[in-house]
Structure formats: C-alpha cells, structure tokens
Amino acid sequence: MKNKTYYANDDQKMIHLGEQLASQLHPGDIVYLQGDLGAGKTTLVKGILSGLGHKASVKSPTYTLVESYELPDLQVYHFDLYRLSDPEELEWIGIRDYFDQKNAIALIEWPDKGKGFLPKPTKEIYLDYQQPGRKIKFCIL
C-alpha cells in the first residue's frame, strides 16, 4: 500500500488537491472516501471531477445516493451513503451494475454504510480535521 499525505486549509486548496489526485485514478478504480461530516469529501470530489475534465456543476448525492457524470471516455459515479439506513437498500438501486462497467470510476462517501454490498476499494482517501484546514491521506491499495 502506498500512502501520501496532503494538507488543505480552504475549499479552493481542497479542489486543487482533488484535481491533482484525479491524475492517479484509472477506469475500474473504486475509491472510498472516509471522514466525518463536513470534512470535505464532496469538495474533494468536485476537484477530482474537475481534474478528470468535468466542467459543469457537481451535486452532492446525499439524497439521491448516486450522481453520474459522463465524460468523453469515462463514466464517474459519486455515491454518498450517509443516509442509507440498511446496506441492503443498495440492491434496490442496482449497485452491482455500477461496478460491472469497465470504463468507470466509483467515488464512495461513507462506504461503511454499504458494508457487505460494496466491492473492495482500489484506493482510499481519509480526511481529518487539522487546524487550520484538513489532512488528507491518499492510499493506493
């Protein structure tokens, strides 16, 4: 496992970091994003999507569970499982179909809520509060 630690003390730096991390992602990657509420997971995803070439706005999938982004040669799925009350609910949205695609990247916030229904990650990102700002640990598994 390769680990790299970064620091970001505001949203713009978090987005810039996400843009940089995008270059380390590849089709087939499943990325778990771990961190408390407000740690910056969705902000980091905005940067990752920007770095992958997405130019439009990015919505948080807190209520929809998943937002899809179609890029020229890549599909990106952004999951937010925070409001999931039972991991079995993932079967109802056809979760396995999202991971059967070869040209896709999955970014998953709150993966613990989907335990038993999610595939193992290829990468993990841990976000922690660090005054001032955030500490971000990027792990390639």
Protein backbone atom coordinates (compact mmCIF):
# COMPACT_ATOMS: atom_id res chain seq x y z
CA MET A 1 0.00 0.00 0.00
CA LYS A 2 1.36 3.43 -0.97
CA ASN A 3 0.34 6.38 1.19
CA LYS A 4 0.73 10.09 0.59
CA THR A 5 -0.44 12.82 2.98
CA TYR A 6 -1.60 16.27 1.90
CA TYR A 7 -2.91 19.35 3.70
CA ALA A 8 -5.55 21.84 2.53
CA ASN A 9 -6.66 24.82 4.60
CA ASP A 10 -9.59 26.01 2.45
CA ASP A 11 -12.07 24.82 -0.19
CA GLN A 12 -10.01 26.13 -3.13
CA LYS A 13 -6.97 24.17 -1.99
CA MET A 14 -9.15 21.10 -1.46
CA ILE A 15 -10.50 21.40 -5.02
CA HIS A 16 -6.97 21.90 -6.37
CA LEU A 17 -5.81 18.79 -4.49
CA GLY A 18 -8.73 16.83 -5.97
CA GLU A 19 -7.67 17.97 -9.45
CA GLN A 20 -4.16 16.65 -8.75
CA LEU A 21 -5.43 13.34 -7.35
CA ALA A 22 -7.53 12.81 -10.48
CA SER A 23 -4.35 12.00 -12.40
CA GLN A 24 -3.82 8.98 -10.15
CA LEU A 25 -7.24 7.49 -10.88
CA HIS A 26 -7.96 4.99 -13.64
CA PRO A 27 -11.00 3.23 -15.11
CA GLY A 28 -12.06 0.45 -12.76
CA ASP A 29 -10.99 2.30 -9.62
CA ILE A 30 -13.24 2.15 -6.60
CA VAL A 31 -12.33 4.94 -4.20
CA TYR A 32 -13.59 5.00 -0.63
CA LEU A 33 -13.74 8.48 0.92
CA GLN A 34 -13.58 8.36 4.71
CA GLY A 35 -14.12 11.29 7.06
CA ASP A 36 -16.52 12.94 9.47
CA LEU A 37 -19.37 15.22 8.43
CA GLY A 38 -18.00 18.43 6.98
CA ALA A 39 -14.50 17.02 6.47
CA GLY A 40 -14.56 17.97 2.77
CA LYS A 41 -15.33 14.71 0.97
CA THR A 42 -17.75 16.26 -1.54
CA THR A 43 -15.47 19.26 -2.07
CA LEU A 44 -12.61 16.89 -2.86
CA VAL A 45 -14.87 15.00 -5.30
CA LYS A 46 -15.63 18.31 -7.06
CA GLY A 47 -11.90 18.74 -7.58
CA ILE A 48 -11.45 15.15 -8.77
CA LEU A 49 -14.24 15.58 -11.32
CA SER A 50 -12.73 18.87 -12.48
CA GLY A 51 -9.36 17.16 -12.87
CA LEU A 52 -10.99 14.43 -14.95
CA GLY A 53 -12.43 17.05 -17.30
CA HIS A 54 -15.93 17.68 -15.92
CA LYS A 55 -16.78 21.36 -16.38
CA ALA A 56 -20.41 21.61 -15.13
CA SER A 57 -21.59 21.83 -11.53
CA VAL A 58 -21.33 18.92 -9.14
CA LYS A 59 -24.26 18.00 -6.90
CA SER A 60 -23.98 16.16 -3.63
CA PRO A 61 -25.76 12.80 -3.87
CA THR A 62 -26.78 12.90 -0.20
CA TYR A 63 -30.47 12.37 -1.01
CA THR A 64 -30.18 10.50 -4.32
CA LEU A 65 -27.37 8.14 -3.19
CA VAL A 66 -25.60 8.43 -6.56
CA GLU A 67 -24.82 11.08 -9.17
CA SER A 68 -23.46 10.06 -12.57
CA TYR A 69 -21.04 12.10 -14.65
CA GLU A 70 -20.42 11.16 -18.26
CA LEU A 71 -17.04 12.28 -19.56
CA PRO A 72 -15.70 11.66 -23.09
CA ASP A 73 -14.08 8.28 -22.34
CA LEU A 74 -15.11 7.71 -18.75
CA GLN A 75 -18.14 7.40 -16.51
CA VAL A 76 -17.80 8.61 -12.92
CA TYR A 77 -20.24 7.59 -10.19
CA HIS A 78 -20.29 9.62 -6.99
CA PHE A 79 -22.03 7.80 -4.14
CA ASP A 80 -22.96 9.28 -0.77
CA LEU A 81 -24.25 6.55 1.53
CA TYR A 82 -24.67 8.73 4.63
CA ARG A 83 -28.48 8.48 4.65
CA LEU A 84 -28.55 4.75 3.95
CA SER A 85 -30.43 3.05 6.75
CA ASP A 86 -29.69 -0.52 5.67
CA PRO A 87 -26.92 -1.70 3.32
CA GLU A 88 -29.47 -3.94 1.59
CA GLU A 89 -31.02 -0.79 0.10
CA LEU A 90 -28.07 -0.79 -2.30
CA GLU A 91 -29.54 -3.85 -4.01
CA TRP A 92 -32.69 -1.84 -4.76
CA ILE A 93 -30.72 0.74 -6.74
CA GLY A 94 -28.86 -1.97 -8.69
CA ILE A 95 -25.50 -1.25 -7.07
CA ARG A 96 -23.74 -4.16 -8.80
CA ASP A 97 -24.48 -2.68 -12.24
CA TYR A 98 -22.37 0.36 -11.42
CA PHE A 99 -19.32 -1.80 -10.75
CA ASP A 100 -19.69 -4.03 -13.82
CA GLN A 101 -18.63 -1.24 -16.15
CA LYS A 102 -15.00 -1.33 -17.26
CA ASN A 103 -14.75 2.36 -18.15
CA ALA A 104 -15.97 3.79 -14.86
CA ILE A 105 -14.64 5.18 -11.61
CA ALA A 106 -16.68 5.00 -8.38
CA LEU A 107 -16.15 7.58 -5.64
CA ILE A 108 -17.92 6.42 -2.47
CA GLU A 109 -18.54 8.58 0.60
CA TRP A 110 -19.49 6.74 3.82
CA PRO A 111 -18.57 3.27 2.47
CA ASP A 112 -19.04 1.68 5.92
CA LYS A 113 -22.80 2.15 5.48
CA GLY A 114 -22.67 -0.20 2.47
CA LYS A 115 -20.60 -2.90 4.13
CA GLY A 116 -21.21 -6.31 2.60
CA PHE A 117 -22.64 -4.86 -0.63
CA LEU A 118 -19.68 -2.87 -1.94
CA PRO A 119 -16.61 -4.27 -3.67
CA LYS A 120 -13.23 -3.73 -2.08
CA PRO A 121 -11.63 -0.38 -2.85
CA THR A 122 -8.61 0.08 -5.05
CA LYS A 123 -7.85 3.39 -3.31
CA GLU A 124 -8.91 5.07 -0.08
CA ILE A 125 -8.89 8.71 0.90
CA TYR A 126 -9.04 9.68 4.58
CA LEU A 127 -9.96 13.26 5.51
CA ASP A 128 -9.33 14.53 9.03
CA TYR A 129 -9.72 17.91 10.66
CA GLN A 130 -6.36 19.57 11.10
CA GLN A 131 -6.32 23.14 12.38
CA PRO A 132 -6.30 25.06 10.23
CA GLY A 133 -7.84 23.02 7.44
CA ARG A 134 -7.78 19.33 6.66
CA LYS A 135 -5.29 16.48 6.49
CA ILE A 136 -5.90 14.18 3.52
CA LYS A 137 -4.28 10.75 3.27
CA PHE A 138 -4.40 9.09 -0.16
CA CYS A 139 -3.82 5.32 -0.11
CA ILE A 140 -3.30 3.07 -3.11
CA LEU A 141 -4.18 -0.47 -2.07
